[in-house]
Amino acid sequence: MSVPERAMVDEVYRKVTDGAALLVCAYDDDDKFRGVHLEGAVSMAEFKTKLSGLDKNQEIFFYCA
């Protein structure tokens, strides 16, 4: 198994704002999400509801603050 490359912030931001990638806050706690979410991010709960409908080639970035 290879180690994934670290994503550059400006690249992630561009992909998320262009709709080419999904940004997910890795916290399950909704209160914590509200306190630390980044622009364009979805909560883990929202991500889980979308999971079955995502394209298998969809680029997804997870973060925690």
PDB file of N, CA and C in Angstrom:
ATOM      1  N   MET A   1       0.854  -1.181   0.000  1.00  0.00           N
ATOM      2  CA  MET A   1       0.000   0.000   0.000  1.00  0.00           C
ATOM      3  C   MET A   1       0.894   1.237   0.000  1.00  0.00           C
ATOM      4  N   SER A   2       0.593   2.157  -0.876  1.00  0.00           N
ATOM      5  CA  SER A   2       1.396   3.376  -0.944  1.00  0.00           C
ATOM      6  C   SER A   2       0.809   4.466  -0.051  1.00  0.00           C
ATOM      7  N   VAL A   3       1.656   5.364   0.361  1.00  0.00           N
ATOM      8  CA  VAL A   3       1.227   6.495   1.184  1.00  0.00           C
ATOM      9  C   VAL A   3       0.689   7.566   0.254  1.00  0.00           C
ATOM     10  N   PRO A   4      -0.521   8.073   0.534  1.00  0.00           N
ATOM     11  CA  PRO A   4      -1.083   9.108  -0.343  1.00  0.00           C
ATOM     12  C   PRO A   4      -0.260  10.395  -0.258  1.00  0.00           C
ATOM     13  N   GLU A   5      -0.239  11.115  -1.355  1.00  0.00           N
ATOM     14  CA  GLU A   5       0.460  12.394  -1.375  1.00  0.00           C
ATOM     15  C   GLU A   5      -0.302  13.415  -0.559  1.00  0.00           C
ATOM     16  N   ARG A   6       0.420  14.336   0.017  1.00  0.00           N
ATOM     17  CA  ARG A   6      -0.211  15.420   0.766  1.00  0.00           C
ATOM     18  C   ARG A   6      -0.747  16.436  -0.238  1.00  0.00           C
ATOM     19  N   ALA A   7      -1.986  16.846  -0.064  1.00  0.00           N
ATOM     20  CA  ALA A   7      -2.622  17.794  -0.985  1.00  0.00           C
ATOM     21  C   ALA A   7      -2.246  19.221  -0.596  1.00  0.00           C
ATOM     22  N   MET A   8      -2.046  20.030  -1.591  1.00  0.00           N
ATOM     23  CA  MET A   8      -1.753  21.445  -1.368  1.00  0.00           C
ATOM     24  C   MET A   8      -3.072  22.206  -1.199  1.00  0.00           C
ATOM     25  N   VAL A   9      -3.101  23.112  -0.251  1.00  0.00           N
ATOM     26  CA  VAL A   9      -4.326  23.829   0.098  1.00  0.00           C
ATOM     27  C   VAL A   9      -4.949  24.537  -1.099  1.00  0.00           C
ATOM     28  N   ASP A  10      -4.152  25.234  -1.880  1.00  0.00           N
ATOM     29  CA  ASP A  10      -4.717  25.986  -3.012  1.00  0.00           C
ATOM     30  C   ASP A  10      -5.307  25.046  -4.061  1.00  0.00           C
ATOM     31  N   GLU A  11      -4.704  23.874  -4.227  1.00  0.00           N
ATOM     32  CA  GLU A  11      -5.228  22.893  -5.172  1.00  0.00           C
ATOM     33  C   GLU A  11      -6.573  22.338  -4.686  1.00  0.00           C
ATOM     34  N   VAL A  12      -6.642  22.014  -3.404  1.00  0.00           N
ATOM     35  CA  VAL A  12      -7.892  21.492  -2.836  1.00  0.00           C
ATOM     36  C   VAL A  12      -8.987  22.549  -2.952  1.00  0.00           C
ATOM     37  N   TYR A  13      -8.665  23.782  -2.578  1.00  0.00           N
ATOM     38  CA  TYR A  13      -9.658  24.865  -2.633  1.00  0.00           C
ATOM     39  C   TYR A  13     -10.202  25.032  -4.054  1.00  0.00           C
ATOM     40  N   ARG A  14      -9.302  25.032  -5.037  1.00  0.00           N
ATOM     41  CA  ARG A  14      -9.728  25.188  -6.430  1.00  0.00           C
ATOM     42  C   ARG A  14     -10.642  24.041  -6.849  1.00  0.00           C
ATOM     43  N   LYS A  15     -10.275  22.826  -6.511  1.00  0.00           N
ATOM     44  CA  LYS A  15     -11.076  21.665  -6.903  1.00  0.00           C
ATOM     45  C   LYS A  15     -12.449  21.675  -6.225  1.00  0.00           C
ATOM     46  N   VAL A  16     -12.487  22.061  -4.955  1.00  0.00           N
ATOM     47  CA  VAL A  16     -13.763  22.098  -4.231  1.00  0.00           C
ATOM     48  C   VAL A  16     -14.651  23.203  -4.785  1.00  0.00           C
ATOM     49  N   THR A  17     -14.105  24.391  -5.005  1.00  0.00           N
ATOM     50  CA  THR A  17     -14.926  25.495  -5.518  1.00  0.00           C
ATOM     51  C   THR A  17     -15.368  25.256  -6.952  1.00  0.00           C
ATOM     52  N   ASP A  18     -14.589  24.503  -7.719  1.00  0.00           N
ATOM     53  CA  ASP A  18     -14.968  24.151  -9.093  1.00  0.00           C
ATOM     54  C   ASP A  18     -15.955  22.983  -9.142  1.00  0.00           C
ATOM     55  N   GLY A  19     -16.203  22.338  -7.992  1.00  0.00           N
ATOM     56  CA  GLY A  19     -17.106  21.197  -7.954  1.00  0.00           C
ATOM     57  C   GLY A  19     -16.454  19.894  -8.395  1.00  0.00           C
ATOM     58  N   ALA A  20     -15.132  19.908  -8.531  1.00  0.00           N
ATOM     59  CA  ALA A  20     -14.412  18.713  -8.986  1.00  0.00           C
ATOM     60  C   ALA A  20     -14.046  17.777  -7.841  1.00  0.00           C
ATOM     61  N   ALA A  21     -14.166  18.255  -6.605  1.00  0.00           N
ATOM     62  CA  ALA A  21     -13.803  17.435  -5.448  1.00  0.00           C
ATOM     63  C   ALA A  21     -14.754  17.745  -4.297  1.00  0.00           C
ATOM     64  N   LEU A  22     -14.802  16.833  -3.360  1.00  0.00           N
ATOM     65  CA  LEU A  22     -15.632  16.976  -2.172  1.00  0.00           C
ATOM     66  C   LEU A  22     -14.715  17.143  -0.970  1.00  0.00           C
ATOM     67  N   LEU A  23     -15.007  18.110  -0.113  1.00  0.00           N
ATOM     68  CA  LEU A  23     -14.244  18.361   1.103  1.00  0.00           C
ATOM     69  C   LEU A  23     -15.097  17.934   2.288  1.00  0.00           C
ATOM     70  N   VAL A  24     -14.564  17.038   3.106  1.00  0.00           N
ATOM     71  CA  VAL A  24     -15.330  16.464   4.213  1.00  0.00           C
ATOM     72  C   VAL A  24     -14.610  16.716   5.529  1.00  0.00           C
ATOM     73  N   CYS A  25     -15.311  17.304   6.480  1.00  0.00           N
ATOM     74  CA  CYS A  25     -14.789  17.449   7.840  1.00  0.00           C
ATOM     75  C   CYS A  25     -14.905  16.081   8.504  1.00  0.00           C
ATOM     76  N   ALA A  26     -13.801  15.563   9.011  1.00  0.00           N
ATOM     77  CA  ALA A  26     -13.756  14.190   9.513  1.00  0.00           C
ATOM     78  C   ALA A  26     -14.374  14.005  10.900  1.00  0.00           C
ATOM     79  N   TYR A  27     -14.860  15.059  11.511  1.00  0.00           N
ATOM     80  CA  TYR A  27     -15.484  14.932  12.830  1.00  0.00           C
ATOM     81  C   TYR A  27     -16.924  14.469  12.700  1.00  0.00           C
ATOM     82  N   ASP A  28     -17.315  13.500  13.519  1.00  0.00           N
ATOM     83  CA  ASP A  28     -18.696  13.025  13.532  1.00  0.00           C
ATOM     84  C   ASP A  28     -19.618  13.952  14.318  1.00  0.00           C
ATOM     85  N   ASP A  29     -19.073  14.735  15.204  1.00  0.00           N
ATOM     86  CA  ASP A  29     -19.838  15.603  16.085  1.00  0.00           C
ATOM     87  C   ASP A  29     -20.271  16.872  15.333  1.00  0.00           C
ATOM     88  N   ASP A  30     -21.578  17.086  15.216  1.00  0.00           N
ATOM     89  CA  ASP A  30     -22.094  18.241  14.468  1.00  0.00           C
ATOM     90  C   ASP A  30     -21.693  19.569  15.094  1.00  0.00           C
ATOM     91  N   ASP A  31     -21.638  19.636  16.441  1.00  0.00           N
ATOM     92  CA  ASP A  31     -21.222  20.875  17.094  1.00  0.00           C
ATOM     93  C   ASP A  31     -19.770  21.206  16.749  1.00  0.00           C
ATOM     94  N   LYS A  32     -18.924  20.200  16.745  1.00  0.00           N
ATOM     95  CA  LYS A  32     -17.522  20.422  16.391  1.00  0.00           C
ATOM     96  C   LYS A  32     -17.419  20.849  14.924  1.00  0.00           C
ATOM     97  N   PHE A  33     -18.209  20.227  14.053  1.00  0.00           N
ATOM     98  CA  PHE A  33     -18.214  20.618  12.639  1.00  0.00           C
ATOM     99  C   PHE A  33     -18.560  22.089  12.489  1.00  0.00           C
ATOM    100  N   ARG A  34     -19.602  22.540  13.170  1.00  0.00           N
ATOM    101  CA  ARG A  34     -20.011  23.942  13.070  1.00  0.00           C
ATOM    102  C   ARG A  34     -18.894  24.880  13.528  1.00  0.00           C
ATOM    103  N   GLY A  35     -18.073  24.426  14.465  1.00  0.00           N
ATOM    104  CA  GLY A  35     -17.000  25.263  14.986  1.00  0.00           C
ATOM    105  C   GLY A  35     -15.750  25.297  14.131  1.00  0.00           C
ATOM    106  N   VAL A  36     -15.526  24.250  13.330  1.00  0.00           N
ATOM    107  CA  VAL A  36     -14.249  24.171  12.602  1.00  0.00           C
ATOM    108  C   VAL A  36     -14.397  23.943  11.100  1.00  0.00           C
ATOM    109  N   HIS A  37     -15.626  24.003  10.580  1.00  0.00           N
ATOM    110  CA  HIS A  37     -15.763  23.681   9.154  1.00  0.00           C
ATOM    111  C   HIS A  37     -15.138  24.752   8.273  1.00  0.00           C
ATOM    112  N   LEU A  38     -14.619  24.296   7.170  1.00  0.00           N
ATOM    113  CA  LEU A  38     -14.020  25.175   6.171  1.00  0.00           C
ATOM    114  C   LEU A  38     -15.052  25.471   5.086  1.00  0.00           C
ATOM    115  N   GLU A  39     -14.874  26.568   4.395  1.00  0.00           N
ATOM    116  CA  GLU A  39     -15.776  26.949   3.310  1.00  0.00           C
ATOM    117  C   GLU A  39     -15.870  25.814   2.289  1.00  0.00           C
ATOM    118  N   GLY A  40     -17.082  25.401   1.983  1.00  0.00           N
ATOM    119  CA  GLY A  40     -17.310  24.361   0.990  1.00  0.00           C
ATOM    120  C   GLY A  40     -17.319  22.948   1.543  1.00  0.00           C
ATOM    121  N   ALA A  41     -17.005  22.799   2.825  1.00  0.00           N
ATOM    122  CA  ALA A  41     -16.945  21.459   3.416  1.00  0.00           C
ATOM    123  C   ALA A  41     -18.337  20.956   3.790  1.00  0.00           C
ATOM    124  N   VAL A  42     -18.472  19.632   3.782  1.00  0.00           N
ATOM    125  CA  VAL A  42     -19.681  18.991   4.284  1.00  0.00           C
ATOM    126  C   VAL A  42     -19.314  18.246   5.556  1.00  0.00           C
ATOM    127  N   SER A  43     -20.305  18.039   6.404  1.00  0.00           N
ATOM    128  CA  SER A  43     -20.078  17.299   7.645  1.00  0.00           C
ATOM    129  C   SER A  43     -19.958  15.804   7.341  1.00  0.00           C
ATOM    130  N   MET A  44     -19.429  15.068   8.288  1.00  0.00           N
ATOM    131  CA  MET A  44     -19.325  13.625   8.128  1.00  0.00           C
ATOM    132  C   MET A  44     -20.719  13.015   7.991  1.00  0.00           C
ATOM    133  N   ALA A  45     -21.682  13.534   8.733  1.00  0.00           N
ATOM    134  CA  ALA A  45     -23.054  13.023   8.649  1.00  0.00           C
ATOM    135  C   ALA A  45     -23.619  13.230   7.238  1.00  0.00           C
ATOM    136  N   GLU A  46     -23.406  14.414   6.679  1.00  0.00           N
ATOM    137  CA  GLU A  46     -23.890  14.692   5.323  1.00  0.00           C
ATOM    138  C   GLU A  46     -23.169  13.809   4.307  1.00  0.00           C
ATOM    139  N   PHE A  47     -21.856  13.642   4.491  1.00  0.00           N
ATOM    140  CA  PHE A  47     -21.082  12.781   3.601  1.00  0.00           C
ATOM    141  C   PHE A  47     -21.647  11.361   3.599  1.00  0.00           C
ATOM    142  N   LYS A  48     -21.969  10.843   4.768  1.00  0.00           N
ATOM    143  CA  LYS A  48     -22.494   9.476   4.873  1.00  0.00           C
ATOM    144  C   LYS A  48     -23.820   9.333   4.126  1.00  0.00           C
ATOM    145  N   THR A  49     -24.641  10.383   4.121  1.00  0.00           N
ATOM    146  CA  THR A  49     -25.917  10.303   3.397  1.00  0.00           C
ATOM    147  C   THR A  49     -25.708  10.341   1.894  1.00  0.00           C
ATOM    148  N   LYS A  50     -24.599  10.954   1.425  1.00  0.00           N
ATOM    149  CA  LYS A  50     -24.309  11.063   0.001  1.00  0.00           C
ATOM    150  C   LYS A  50     -23.490   9.896  -0.531  1.00  0.00           C
ATOM    151  N   LEU A  51     -22.933   9.109   0.354  1.00  0.00           N
ATOM    152  CA  LEU A  51     -21.947   8.099  -0.015  1.00  0.00           C
ATOM    153  C   LEU A  51     -22.411   7.160  -1.118  1.00  0.00           C
ATOM    154  N   SER A  52     -23.607   6.637  -1.015  1.00  0.00           N
ATOM    155  CA  SER A  52     -24.068   5.664  -2.008  1.00  0.00           C
ATOM    156  C   SER A  52     -24.261   6.285  -3.391  1.00  0.00           C
ATOM    157  N   GLY A  53     -24.448   7.600  -3.464  1.00  0.00           N
ATOM    158  CA  GLY A  53     -24.672   8.256  -4.737  1.00  0.00           C
ATOM    159  C   GLY A  53     -23.431   8.875  -5.359  1.00  0.00           C
ATOM    160  N   LEU A  54     -22.295   8.759  -4.692  1.00  0.00           N
ATOM    161  CA  LEU A  54     -21.073   9.363  -5.226  1.00  0.00           C
ATOM    162  C   LEU A  54     -20.481   8.534  -6.349  1.00  0.00           C
ATOM    163  N   ASP A  55     -19.919   9.221  -7.306  1.00  0.00           N
ATOM    164  CA  ASP A  55     -19.177   8.579  -8.390  1.00  0.00           C
ATOM    165  C   ASP A  55     -17.919   7.948  -7.789  1.00  0.00           C
ATOM    166  N   LYS A  56     -17.605   6.740  -8.167  1.00  0.00           N
ATOM    167  CA  LYS A  56     -16.434   6.050  -7.630  1.00  0.00           C
ATOM    168  C   LYS A  56     -15.131   6.771  -7.974  1.00  0.00           C
ATOM    169  N   ASN A  57     -15.168   7.652  -8.953  1.00  0.00           N
ATOM    170  CA  ASN A  57     -13.981   8.418  -9.332  1.00  0.00           C
ATOM    171  C   ASN A  57     -13.952   9.809  -8.690  1.00  0.00           C
ATOM    172  N   GLN A  58     -14.947  10.110  -7.850  1.00  0.00           N
ATOM    173  CA  GLN A  58     -15.024  11.412  -7.180  1.00  0.00           C
ATOM    174  C   GLN A  58     -13.826  11.584  -6.254  1.00  0.00           C
ATOM    175  N   GLU A  59     -13.124  12.679  -6.408  1.00  0.00           N
ATOM    176  CA  GLU A  59     -12.005  12.958  -5.519  1.00  0.00           C
ATOM    177  C   GLU A  59     -12.564  13.524  -4.219  1.00  0.00           C
ATOM    178  N   ILE A  60     -12.100  12.980  -3.091  1.00  0.00           N
ATOM    179  CA  ILE A  60     -12.605  13.373  -1.772  1.00  0.00           C
ATOM    180  C   ILE A  60     -11.418  13.701  -0.886  1.00  0.00           C
ATOM    181  N   PHE A  61     -11.508  14.863  -0.239  1.00  0.00           N
ATOM    182  CA  PHE A  61     -10.489  15.275   0.723  1.00  0.00           C
ATOM    183  C   PHE A  61     -11.124  15.306   2.102  1.00  0.00           C
ATOM    184  N   PHE A  62     -10.496  14.629   3.054  1.00  0.00           N
ATOM    185  CA  PHE A  62     -10.929  14.659   4.442  1.00  0.00           C
ATOM    186  C   PHE A  62      -9.958  15.518   5.227  1.00  0.00           C
ATOM    187  N   TYR A  63     -10.488  16.244   6.202  1.00  0.00           N
ATOM    188  CA  TYR A  63      -9.607  17.026   7.062  1.00  0.00           C
ATOM    189  C   TYR A  63     -10.150  17.015   8.479  1.00  0.00           C
ATOM    190  N   CYS A  64      -9.276  17.281   9.420  1.00  0.00           N
ATOM    191  CA  CYS A  64      -9.679  17.540  10.806  1.00  0.00           C
ATOM    192  C   CYS A  64      -8.853  18.715  11.298  1.00  0.00           C
ATOM    193  N   ALA A  65      -9.439  19.504  12.159  1.00  0.00           N
ATOM    194  CA  ALA A  65      -8.757  20.718  12.604  1.00  0.00           C
ATOM    195  C   ALA A  65      -8.223  20.552  14.008  1.00  0.00           C
TER     196      ALA A  65
END
